[in-house]
Protein backbone atom coordinates (compact mmCIF):
# COMPACT_ATOMS: atom_id res chain seq x y z
CA MET A 1 -52.78 -100.19 -236.50
CA PRO A 2 -53.76 -100.32 -233.04
CA GLU A 3 -50.95 -100.01 -230.62
CA SER A 4 -51.75 -103.34 -228.63
CA ASP A 5 -50.99 -106.10 -230.52
CA SER A 6 -53.37 -108.23 -228.50
CA SER A 7 -56.40 -105.71 -229.73
CA PHE A 8 -55.16 -106.23 -233.43
CA PRO A 9 -57.13 -109.07 -234.52
CA ARG A 10 -60.35 -107.78 -233.04
CA GLY A 11 -59.81 -104.23 -234.56
CA LYS A 12 -59.87 -106.37 -238.07
CA ILE A 13 -63.25 -108.32 -236.71
CA THR A 14 -64.75 -104.84 -235.63
CA LEU A 15 -63.79 -103.32 -239.08
CA ALA A 16 -65.26 -105.84 -241.15
CA LEU A 17 -68.24 -105.94 -238.94
CA SER A 18 -68.89 -102.16 -239.30
CA THR A 19 -68.33 -102.60 -243.07
CA LEU A 20 -71.23 -105.08 -242.86
CA LEU A 21 -73.25 -102.51 -240.81
CA HIS A 22 -72.44 -100.13 -243.46
CA ALA A 23 -73.93 -102.13 -245.79
CA PHE A 24 -77.38 -102.68 -244.18
CA THR A 25 -77.70 -99.11 -243.31
CA HIS A 26 -77.64 -98.18 -247.13
CA ALA A 27 -79.52 -101.16 -248.15
CA TYR A 28 -82.64 -100.22 -245.91
CA ALA A 29 -82.39 -96.53 -247.17
CA THR A 30 -82.37 -97.48 -250.92
CA MET A 31 -84.52 -100.80 -251.21
CA LEU A 32 -87.56 -99.15 -251.77
CA VAL A 33 -86.64 -97.41 -255.03
CA PRO A 34 -87.42 -100.31 -257.51
CA LEU A 35 -90.69 -100.83 -255.61
CA TYR A 36 -92.22 -97.40 -256.30
CA LEU A 37 -94.34 -98.02 -258.77
CA LEU A 38 -95.66 -101.55 -256.88
CA VAL A 39 -96.16 -99.49 -253.71
CA ALA A 40 -97.93 -96.57 -255.27
CA GLN A 41 -100.19 -99.17 -256.67
CA ASP A 42 -100.98 -101.29 -253.83
CA LEU A 43 -101.61 -98.18 -251.63
CA ASN A 44 -103.65 -96.59 -254.37
CA LEU A 45 -101.21 -93.50 -254.15
CA LYS A 46 -101.09 -90.69 -256.57
CA GLY A 47 -97.65 -90.50 -258.54
CA VAL A 48 -94.17 -91.86 -256.92
CA ARG A 49 -93.61 -88.89 -254.81
CA ALA A 50 -95.75 -90.41 -251.78
CA VAL A 51 -93.72 -93.29 -251.86
CA SER A 52 -90.32 -91.40 -252.38
CA LEU A 53 -91.40 -89.34 -249.48
CA ILE A 54 -91.11 -92.29 -247.01
CA VAL A 55 -87.30 -92.58 -248.37
CA THR A 56 -86.79 -88.98 -248.04
CA VAL A 57 -88.41 -88.89 -244.26
CA TYR A 58 -86.13 -91.43 -243.27
CA GLY A 59 -82.93 -89.48 -244.87
CA LEU A 60 -84.44 -86.17 -243.05
CA VAL A 61 -84.26 -87.96 -239.62
CA TYR A 62 -81.08 -89.90 -240.21
CA CYS A 63 -79.18 -86.88 -240.99
CA LEU A 64 -81.11 -84.47 -238.41
CA GLY A 65 -80.13 -86.71 -235.43
CA SER A 66 -76.32 -87.18 -236.75
CA TYR A 67 -74.92 -83.98 -234.66
CA PHE A 68 -76.49 -85.55 -231.56
CA ALA A 69 -75.30 -89.35 -232.54
CA GLY A 70 -71.71 -87.56 -233.14
CA VAL A 71 -71.86 -86.55 -229.26
CA ALA A 72 -72.78 -89.47 -228.18
CA ALA A 73 -70.14 -91.39 -230.41
CA ASP A 74 -67.36 -88.99 -228.54
CA ARG A 75 -68.58 -89.83 -225.19
CA VAL A 76 -70.07 -93.33 -224.93
CA ASN A 77 -69.50 -96.94 -226.15
CA ARG A 78 -69.52 -96.52 -229.79
CA LYS A 79 -69.71 -100.32 -230.43
CA VAL A 80 -72.97 -100.65 -228.41
CA LEU A 81 -74.49 -97.40 -230.42
CA LEU A 82 -73.68 -99.29 -233.56
CA GLY A 83 -75.32 -102.67 -232.49
CA ILE A 84 -78.20 -100.51 -231.39
CA GLY A 85 -78.54 -98.59 -234.50
CA LEU A 86 -78.88 -101.55 -236.70
CA LEU A 87 -81.26 -103.65 -234.49
CA GLY A 88 -83.57 -100.60 -234.38
CA ASN A 89 -83.48 -99.92 -238.07
CA ALA A 90 -83.88 -103.74 -238.88
CA LEU A 91 -86.59 -103.90 -236.64
CA ALA A 92 -88.56 -100.87 -238.54
CA VAL A 93 -87.93 -102.02 -241.89
CA THR A 94 -89.45 -105.58 -240.80
CA LEU A 95 -92.41 -103.78 -239.50
CA MET A 96 -92.83 -102.07 -242.87
CA GLY A 97 -93.40 -105.56 -244.28
CA PHE A 98 -96.57 -105.94 -241.92
CA THR A 99 -98.47 -103.04 -242.53
CA ARG A 100 -100.28 -101.25 -245.62
CA GLN A 101 -101.17 -98.14 -244.29
CA TYR A 102 -99.45 -95.07 -245.68
CA GLU A 103 -99.28 -93.35 -242.56
CA VAL A 104 -97.60 -95.87 -240.51
CA LEU A 105 -94.97 -96.56 -243.03
CA VAL A 106 -94.02 -93.14 -242.84
CA ALA A 107 -93.88 -93.09 -238.97
CA LEU A 108 -91.64 -96.25 -239.46
CA GLY A 109 -89.31 -94.61 -241.66
CA VAL A 110 -89.00 -92.01 -238.76
CA VAL A 111 -88.05 -94.80 -236.68
CA ALA A 112 -85.92 -96.39 -238.90
CA GLY A 113 -84.05 -92.92 -239.30
CA ILE A 114 -83.63 -92.34 -235.72
CA PHE A 115 -81.86 -95.64 -235.24
CA GLY A 116 -79.81 -95.11 -238.54
CA THR A 117 -78.49 -91.73 -237.52
CA LEU A 118 -76.17 -93.73 -234.96
CA PHE A 119 -74.02 -95.32 -237.78
CA HIS A 120 -72.00 -92.97 -239.37
CA PRO A 121 -70.68 -90.95 -236.35
CA SER A 122 -69.76 -94.00 -234.54
CA ALA A 123 -68.35 -96.12 -237.32
CA ASN A 124 -66.30 -93.40 -238.66
CA ALA A 125 -64.94 -92.70 -235.21
CA LEU A 126 -64.34 -96.21 -234.32
CA VAL A 127 -62.66 -97.76 -237.13
CA THR A 128 -60.11 -95.06 -237.18
CA ALA A 129 -59.56 -95.33 -233.36
CA HIS A 130 -58.56 -99.18 -234.25
CA PHE A 131 -56.15 -98.31 -236.83
CA PRO A 132 -54.43 -94.96 -235.74
CA LYS A 133 -51.94 -94.87 -238.39
CA ALA A 134 -53.86 -95.66 -241.27
CA PRO A 135 -57.37 -93.69 -240.69
CA GLY A 136 -57.73 -93.31 -244.45
CA MET A 137 -57.30 -96.57 -245.52
CA ALA A 138 -59.75 -97.66 -242.43
CA ILE A 139 -62.52 -95.12 -244.01
CA GLY A 140 -61.70 -96.50 -247.64
CA LEU A 141 -62.52 -100.09 -246.36
CA LEU A 142 -65.60 -99.10 -244.33
CA GLY A 143 -66.85 -97.34 -247.62
CA CYS A 144 -66.93 -100.57 -249.38
CA GLY A 145 -70.23 -101.50 -247.14
CA ALA A 146 -71.63 -98.43 -249.05
CA GLY A 147 -71.18 -99.71 -252.33
CA LEU A 148 -72.41 -103.35 -250.95
CA GLY A 149 -75.50 -101.84 -249.49
CA PHE A 150 -76.53 -99.70 -252.60
CA PHE A 151 -76.09 -102.88 -254.74
CA VAL A 152 -77.96 -105.24 -252.36
CA GLY A 153 -80.73 -103.05 -251.50
CA PRO A 154 -82.54 -102.14 -254.69
CA GLN A 155 -81.10 -105.85 -256.49
CA PHE A 156 -82.68 -107.78 -253.42
CA ALA A 157 -85.88 -105.66 -253.07
CA GLY A 158 -86.65 -105.83 -257.16
CA SER A 159 -85.67 -109.74 -257.29
CA ARG A 160 -87.73 -110.83 -254.08
CA ALA A 161 -90.60 -108.81 -254.79
CA GLU A 162 -91.24 -110.73 -257.83
CA SER A 163 -89.77 -114.05 -257.18
CA ALA A 164 -90.93 -114.67 -253.51
CA ARG A 165 -93.94 -117.03 -253.06
CA TRP A 166 -94.43 -117.09 -249.31
CA HIS A 167 -97.73 -115.54 -248.35
CA PHE A 168 -97.75 -115.22 -244.40
CA PHE A 169 -99.97 -112.68 -243.01
CA ASP A 170 -101.01 -111.68 -246.41
CA VAL A 171 -98.50 -109.56 -247.08
CA ALA A 172 -97.92 -107.78 -250.78
CA ASP A 173 -95.28 -108.56 -253.03
CA TRP A 174 -93.17 -105.40 -252.15
CA GLN A 175 -93.43 -106.43 -248.55
CA ARG A 176 -91.69 -109.38 -248.57
CA PRO A 177 -88.01 -108.07 -249.48
CA CYS A 178 -88.85 -105.80 -246.09
CA VAL A 179 -89.41 -108.74 -243.96
CA GLU A 180 -86.52 -110.66 -245.20
CA LEU A 181 -83.71 -108.17 -244.94
CA GLY A 182 -85.25 -106.75 -241.99
CA LEU A 183 -84.88 -110.04 -239.97
CA ALA A 184 -81.15 -110.49 -241.48
CA GLY A 185 -80.38 -107.11 -240.18
CA LEU A 186 -81.60 -108.24 -236.79
CA VAL A 187 -79.18 -111.28 -236.86
CA VAL A 188 -76.18 -108.96 -238.11
CA GLY A 189 -77.02 -106.75 -235.63
CA PHE A 190 -76.76 -109.15 -232.35
CA LEU A 191 -73.77 -110.65 -233.84
CA PHE A 192 -72.03 -107.25 -233.90
CA LEU A 193 -72.74 -106.74 -230.09
CA LEU A 194 -71.09 -109.95 -229.65
CA LEU A 195 -67.80 -109.60 -231.37
CA ALA A 196 -67.15 -106.20 -232.03
CA ARG A 197 -64.59 -104.44 -229.75
CA GLU A 198 -64.69 -101.00 -228.54
CA VAL A 199 -61.10 -98.96 -228.24
CA PRO A 200 -60.46 -97.60 -224.86
CA ARG A 201 -61.08 -94.10 -224.23
CA ARG A 202 -58.97 -91.75 -222.17
CA ARG A 203 -58.84 -91.66 -218.57
CA PRO A 204 -60.73 -89.40 -216.43
CA ASP A 205 -57.39 -87.87 -215.32
CA ASP A 206 -56.02 -87.33 -218.72
CA ASP A 207 -55.65 -84.03 -220.02
CA VAL A 208 -58.60 -83.03 -221.87
CA PRO A 209 -60.94 -86.42 -222.40
CA HIS A 210 -63.94 -84.69 -224.45
CA PRO A 211 -62.24 -81.68 -225.88
CA PRO A 212 -64.85 -79.22 -227.09
CA LEU A 213 -65.74 -78.47 -230.85
CA THR A 214 -64.53 -74.77 -231.02
CA ILE A 215 -66.65 -72.33 -232.67
CA GLU A 216 -64.07 -71.97 -235.42
CA MET A 217 -64.07 -75.48 -236.42
CA ARG A 218 -67.84 -75.65 -236.33
CA LYS A 219 -67.94 -72.94 -238.78
CA ARG A 220 -65.36 -74.49 -241.23
CA VAL A 221 -67.15 -78.09 -241.04
CA MET A 222 -70.46 -75.88 -241.83
CA ALA A 223 -69.05 -74.30 -244.74
CA LEU A 224 -67.75 -77.59 -246.15
CA ALA A 225 -71.40 -79.34 -245.63
CA ALA A 226 -72.79 -76.49 -247.38
CA VAL A 227 -70.60 -77.10 -250.60
CA LEU A 228 -69.81 -80.72 -250.42
CA GLY A 229 -73.32 -81.06 -249.71
CA CYS A 230 -74.03 -80.60 -253.32
CA ARG A 231 -72.65 -83.81 -254.04
CA ASP A 232 -74.44 -85.78 -251.55
CA PHE A 233 -77.61 -84.36 -252.99
CA ALA A 234 -76.63 -85.42 -256.42
CA GLY A 235 -75.74 -88.99 -255.23
CA ILE A 236 -78.94 -89.54 -253.00
CA ALA A 237 -81.06 -87.92 -255.67
CA SER A 238 -79.65 -89.83 -258.63
CA LEU A 239 -80.74 -93.31 -257.16
CA SER A 240 -84.35 -92.34 -257.14
CA LEU A 241 -83.92 -90.57 -260.50
CA VAL A 242 -82.47 -93.58 -262.19
CA GLY A 243 -85.16 -95.69 -260.73
CA ILE A 244 -87.80 -93.63 -261.96
CA TYR A 245 -86.42 -93.07 -265.44
CA LEU A 246 -85.83 -96.75 -266.14
CA LEU A 247 -89.28 -97.61 -264.87
CA ARG A 248 -91.20 -94.70 -267.00
CA ALA A 249 -88.99 -94.01 -269.63
CA HIS A 250 -87.94 -97.56 -270.56
CA GLY A 251 -90.56 -99.10 -268.96
CA LEU A 252 -88.47 -101.68 -266.98
CA ASP A 253 -90.11 -103.84 -264.35
CA ALA A 254 -89.34 -103.92 -260.49
CA ARG A 255 -86.56 -106.75 -261.11
CA ARG A 256 -84.91 -105.10 -264.01
CA THR A 257 -84.63 -101.88 -262.61
CA GLY A 258 -83.67 -103.13 -259.14
CA PHE A 259 -80.76 -105.06 -260.94
CA VAL A 260 -79.58 -101.75 -262.65
CA VAL A 261 -79.97 -99.55 -259.67
CA GLY A 262 -78.11 -102.00 -257.53
CA ALA A 263 -75.45 -103.06 -259.95
CA MET A 264 -74.35 -99.30 -260.89
CA MET A 265 -73.35 -98.96 -256.90
CA LEU A 266 -71.46 -102.30 -256.83
CA VAL A 267 -68.33 -100.63 -258.33
CA SER A 268 -67.85 -98.79 -255.10
CA VAL A 269 -66.61 -101.71 -253.31
CA VAL A 270 -63.68 -101.96 -255.12
CA VAL A 271 -62.89 -98.29 -255.80
CA ASN A 272 -63.26 -96.74 -252.36
CA PRO A 273 -60.06 -98.15 -250.90
CA ILE A 274 -58.32 -98.06 -254.27
CA PHE A 275 -58.85 -93.95 -254.47
CA VAL A 276 -57.91 -93.93 -250.66
CA TYR A 277 -54.80 -95.82 -251.51
CA PHE A 278 -53.63 -93.93 -254.51
CA SER A 279 -54.33 -90.68 -253.28
CA GLY A 280 -52.37 -90.27 -249.91
CA GLY A 281 -50.63 -87.17 -248.51
CA ARG A 282 -50.78 -84.31 -250.94
CA ARG A 283 -52.69 -85.95 -253.82
CA ARG A 284 -55.74 -86.41 -251.66
CA LEU A 285 -57.74 -83.31 -252.35
CA PRO A 286 -56.59 -82.83 -256.02
CA THR A 287 -58.17 -86.08 -256.34
CA LEU A 288 -61.27 -85.44 -254.79
CA SER A 289 -61.78 -82.59 -256.85
CA THR A 290 -61.08 -84.22 -260.11
CA MET A 291 -63.30 -87.05 -259.28
CA LEU A 292 -66.07 -84.78 -258.64
CA VAL A 293 -65.69 -82.86 -261.88
CA VAL A 294 -65.59 -86.09 -263.93
CA GLY A 295 -68.43 -87.47 -262.18
CA GLY A 296 -70.72 -84.67 -263.08
CA ALA A 297 -69.82 -84.58 -266.61
CA ILE A 298 -70.64 -88.49 -266.74
CA VAL A 299 -74.30 -88.11 -265.41
CA THR A 300 -74.91 -85.43 -267.34
CA THR A 301 -75.02 -87.20 -270.52
CA LEU A 302 -77.21 -90.25 -269.49
CA PRO A 303 -80.23 -89.46 -271.39
CA LEU A 304 -78.51 -89.28 -274.53
CA TRP A 305 -77.68 -93.39 -274.18
CA PRO A 306 -79.76 -95.93 -275.31
CA LEU A 307 -80.92 -98.52 -272.65
CA ALA A 308 -78.06 -101.27 -273.33
CA ALA A 309 -75.59 -98.26 -272.26
CA ILE A 310 -77.32 -96.91 -269.03
CA LEU A 311 -75.55 -99.72 -266.70
CA PRO A 312 -71.97 -98.93 -267.90
CA VAL A 313 -72.35 -95.24 -267.85
CA MET A 314 -73.90 -95.02 -264.29
CA CYS A 315 -71.30 -97.56 -263.00
CA SER A 316 -68.51 -95.03 -264.24
CA PHE A 317 -70.51 -92.10 -262.59
CA GLN A 318 -70.82 -94.05 -259.37
CA ALA A 319 -67.09 -95.08 -259.18
CA PHE A 320 -66.25 -91.33 -259.12
CA GLN A 321 -69.24 -90.27 -256.94
CA LEU A 322 -69.23 -93.00 -254.45
CA GLY A 323 -65.57 -93.17 -254.50
CA SER A 324 -65.39 -89.51 -253.66
CA TYR A 325 -66.91 -90.18 -250.12
CA ALA A 326 -64.40 -92.34 -248.93
CA VAL A 327 -61.70 -89.76 -249.90
CA SER A 328 -63.31 -86.77 -248.72
CA ASP A 329 -63.88 -88.49 -245.55
CA ALA A 330 -60.39 -89.65 -245.24
CA ALA A 331 -59.00 -86.03 -246.26
CA THR A 332 -61.17 -84.55 -243.28
CA LEU A 333 -60.39 -87.29 -240.59
CA GLU A 334 -56.84 -86.67 -240.99
CA ARG A 335 -57.24 -83.33 -240.11
CA VAL A 336 -59.19 -83.42 -236.83
CA PRO A 337 -58.38 -84.88 -233.51
CA ALA A 338 -59.70 -88.06 -232.78
CA GLN A 339 -61.52 -87.04 -229.74
CA VAL A 340 -63.69 -84.75 -231.69
CA ARG A 341 -64.15 -86.87 -235.08
CA GLY A 342 -67.83 -88.20 -233.90
CA ARG A 343 -68.87 -84.65 -233.69
CA VAL A 344 -67.19 -83.31 -236.71
CA VAL A 345 -68.92 -86.49 -238.98
CA GLY A 346 -72.34 -85.71 -236.89
CA LEU A 347 -72.30 -82.06 -237.67
CA PHE A 348 -71.34 -82.49 -241.71
CA LEU A 349 -74.15 -85.03 -241.92
CA MET A 350 -76.62 -82.76 -240.05
CA ILE A 351 -76.41 -80.06 -242.64
CA ALA A 352 -74.99 -82.07 -246.05
CA GLY A 353 -77.29 -85.06 -245.42
CA THR A 354 -80.56 -83.17 -244.49
CA PHE A 355 -80.30 -81.32 -247.72
CA ALA A 356 -79.44 -84.36 -249.70
CA SER A 357 -82.31 -86.34 -248.01
CA THR A 358 -84.75 -84.23 -249.69
CA GLY A 359 -83.41 -85.65 -253.32
CA PRO A 360 -86.01 -88.46 -253.35
CA TRP A 361 -88.82 -86.33 -253.04
CA VAL A 362 -87.41 -83.53 -255.08
CA MET A 363 -87.15 -86.32 -258.13
CA GLY A 364 -90.55 -87.81 -257.52
CA ALA A 365 -92.07 -84.38 -257.70
CA TRP A 366 -89.98 -83.19 -260.76
CA THR A 367 -90.60 -86.40 -262.57
CA ASP A 368 -94.30 -86.27 -261.67
CA ALA A 369 -94.52 -82.78 -263.28
CA LEU A 370 -93.27 -84.03 -266.83
CA GLY A 371 -96.84 -85.67 -267.09
CA ASP A 372 -96.92 -87.65 -270.43
CA ARG A 373 -93.72 -86.60 -271.19
CA ALA A 374 -92.23 -88.90 -268.37
CA GLY A 375 -92.05 -91.50 -270.97
CA GLU A 376 -89.60 -89.72 -273.06
CA PRO A 377 -85.83 -90.06 -272.02
CA ILE A 378 -84.64 -86.71 -273.08
CA ALA A 379 -87.33 -85.09 -271.07
CA TYR A 380 -84.90 -86.08 -268.32
CA ALA A 381 -82.06 -84.03 -269.66
CA PRO A 382 -82.62 -81.02 -267.49
CA ILE A 383 -82.75 -82.91 -264.17
CA PHE A 384 -79.49 -85.28 -264.94
CA ALA A 385 -77.67 -81.81 -266.07
CA THR A 386 -78.93 -80.37 -262.97
CA LEU A 387 -77.34 -83.22 -260.64
CA GLY A 388 -74.00 -82.81 -262.78
CA ALA A 389 -73.77 -79.18 -262.20
CA MET A 390 -74.29 -79.94 -258.51
CA MET A 391 -71.20 -82.31 -258.31
CA VAL A 392 -69.12 -79.39 -260.04
CA VAL A 393 -70.02 -77.44 -257.52
CA ALA A 394 -69.15 -79.67 -254.78
CA ALA A 395 -65.37 -79.82 -256.13
CA PHE A 396 -64.65 -76.37 -254.80
CA ALA A 397 -64.90 -78.26 -251.13
CA SER A 398 -60.87 -79.18 -251.36
CA PRO A 399 -59.75 -75.78 -250.12
CA LEU A 400 -62.48 -75.93 -247.28
CA ILE A 401 -61.11 -79.41 -246.03
CA ALA A 402 -57.71 -78.00 -246.36
CA ARG A 403 -58.67 -75.36 -243.82
CA LEU A 404 -59.63 -77.84 -241.15
CA GLY A 405 -55.97 -78.40 -240.02
CA GLU A 406 -52.83 -79.77 -241.07
CA GLN A 407 -52.78 -83.57 -242.19
CA ASP A 408 -51.37 -85.82 -239.30
CA VAL A 409 -48.26 -87.08 -240.82
CA HIS A 410 -48.22 -89.95 -237.99
CA ALA A 411 -51.64 -90.87 -239.45
CA ILE A 412 -50.51 -91.28 -243.27
CA GLU A 413 -48.78 -93.93 -244.27
CA PRO A 414 -46.92 -93.62 -247.91
CA ILE A 415 -48.73 -95.67 -250.62
CA SER A 416 -45.69 -98.16 -250.21
CA GLU A 417 -46.22 -99.07 -246.56
CA ILE A 418 -49.69 -100.06 -246.20
CA SER A 419 -51.76 -102.62 -247.95
CA PRO A 420 -55.62 -102.31 -248.09
CA ALA A 421 -55.85 -105.86 -248.25
CA THR A 422 -54.46 -106.88 -245.01
CA MET A 423 -54.22 -103.22 -243.29
CA GLU A 424 -50.44 -104.48 -242.34
CA PRO A 425 -46.94 -102.72 -243.58
CA THR A 426 -45.76 -104.19 -246.67
CA VAL A 427 -41.84 -104.68 -247.05
């Protein structure tokens, strides 16, 4: 809890609004997945790789700028950074709804990535600063936004592309969800700037207001990113792969594809805080390794299941895959000083996220290369097996997290003393 009782209510509001921003950030990153074929047909593009490139460009810029966003998060007002980030991201997505020039869409993907990169370093540092005695649970609740965004983005896009009937400015079917979700993000961005609260920083006369990120810590974070980045790649790539798999191998339309891709991510809204809640203290790292291995085993089997089983199988996979983010983030942030958390998150994302963001394009190119076999579910078995193997490799990240430092015992509440529902001590 924040030390000042007067700041506690605003801390809860800030956490809730940051979770909502998290949802918009990931909704924007995934909303094009069920629209791949519609966009390719409308713009006369060859294959889905050209459309998936827009998502990849967004992710690359988003991650390449993460360290610089982390430096800013450790030095300037994080509330302002988060608000500006969503406003810029939302504006770029809105403008995608008013152009059918492929080059302009790619450029807007760059712009969206520049603003989107502000989110994670600032949000992770800000919510843990509001709850210094329970940073892990704060991260777990913040992680609920990821599942919500992954659900809403594809679900909303696929549904509105087929059901929306307004025709202002002669927009195409696939552009309507861009305009609608973009405008909603602009509203939420302004509300965040009005209602969220920053945590006061150290005064200049304090000992070390902005301690440097040591070379040793940089090396450890980079090693962690190289290994855990395999999990990130598998997660980002699986979104596009499942979307393409449903569209091509099973012949689903945009609405049904968007429903499956979105619904399979919704489970993380529940599992993120639960896994953090039950994995406190020494259980954190063993839990992380187990989640990654089990998730890898599940996703490998997907092409062997009938269409009716795809949603429950992918929900099971995402429970472990997406749930692992909150657990690994909590384990990491419990081991690094609060004054450098923005840079640690930014450096990690710059390496792991940049690698992971190539996933949509790689999946688009790999599935395009299947040719006529793209209509056969079993042809996707080697691709899903590759993602499963990458999840298992990521399980070796646990000892690397342990090397970051000792857990801060003052920032870890025992399971019986902190409630994820209220963020208050239990009796």
